[in-house]
Amino acid sequence: MKKSFHPACQDIGATRKFVVYNGSEQFPMADNTEAIGLLTFLALLNKANPL
């Protein structure tokens, strides 16, 4: 993560923080941030905002 990641999250009032990557596992990272695979992230977005 770049140094600007956490200040940017604060600026937009993020309630959850994700680092999306090309793997399939989901795991916690530092400072309440989660690593998440792209397909899992897209499914999560779809679940939160169905068409």
Protein backbone atom coordinates (compact mmCIF):
# COMPACT_ATOMS: atom_id res chain seq x y z
CA MET A 1 0.00 0.00 0.00
CA LYS A 2 1.14 3.50 -0.70
CA LYS A 3 1.40 6.03 2.12
CA SER A 4 -1.61 7.89 0.67
CA PHE A 5 -3.98 4.89 1.03
CA HIS A 6 -5.06 5.48 4.64
CA PRO A 7 -5.38 9.29 4.39
CA ALA A 8 -7.46 8.82 1.23
CA CYS A 9 -9.72 6.37 3.07
CA GLN A 10 -10.17 8.94 5.84
CA ASP A 11 -10.93 11.68 3.30
CA ILE A 12 -13.77 9.69 1.75
CA GLY A 13 -15.06 8.28 5.02
CA ALA A 14 -14.46 4.65 4.09
CA THR A 15 -16.11 2.19 6.46
CA ARG A 16 -14.20 -0.77 5.01
CA LYS A 17 -10.80 -0.90 3.30
CA PHE A 18 -9.76 -3.46 0.68
CA VAL A 19 -6.66 -4.22 -1.34
CA VAL A 20 -7.87 -6.08 -4.43
CA TYR A 21 -5.41 -8.53 -5.95
CA ASN A 22 -5.38 -11.35 -8.52
CA GLY A 23 -5.54 -14.23 -6.01
CA SER A 24 -8.53 -16.00 -4.54
CA GLU A 25 -7.90 -15.77 -0.78
CA GLN A 26 -9.28 -13.15 1.59
CA PHE A 27 -7.22 -12.22 4.62
CA PRO A 28 -6.71 -9.35 7.07
CA MET A 29 -3.91 -6.84 6.67
CA ALA A 30 -2.69 -4.01 8.88
CA ASP A 31 -4.93 -1.13 10.00
CA ASN A 32 -8.31 -2.85 9.47
CA THR A 33 -7.63 -3.47 5.79
CA GLU A 34 -8.52 -6.71 3.99
CA ALA A 35 -6.81 -8.28 1.00
CA ILE A 36 -9.40 -9.76 -1.33
CA GLY A 37 -9.36 -11.45 -4.72
CA LEU A 38 -10.96 -9.58 -7.61
CA LEU A 39 -13.77 -12.10 -8.21
CA THR A 40 -14.64 -12.24 -4.51
CA PHE A 41 -14.64 -8.45 -4.36
CA LEU A 42 -16.95 -8.18 -7.36
CA ALA A 43 -19.33 -10.72 -5.79
CA LEU A 44 -19.30 -8.68 -2.57
CA LEU A 45 -20.16 -5.52 -4.50
CA ASN A 46 -22.96 -7.29 -6.36
CA LYS A 47 -24.38 -8.64 -3.10
CA ALA A 48 -24.37 -5.14 -1.58
CA ASN A 49 -25.87 -3.50 -4.69
CA PRO A 50 -27.90 -6.01 -6.73
CA LEU A 51 -29.24 -4.86 -10.08
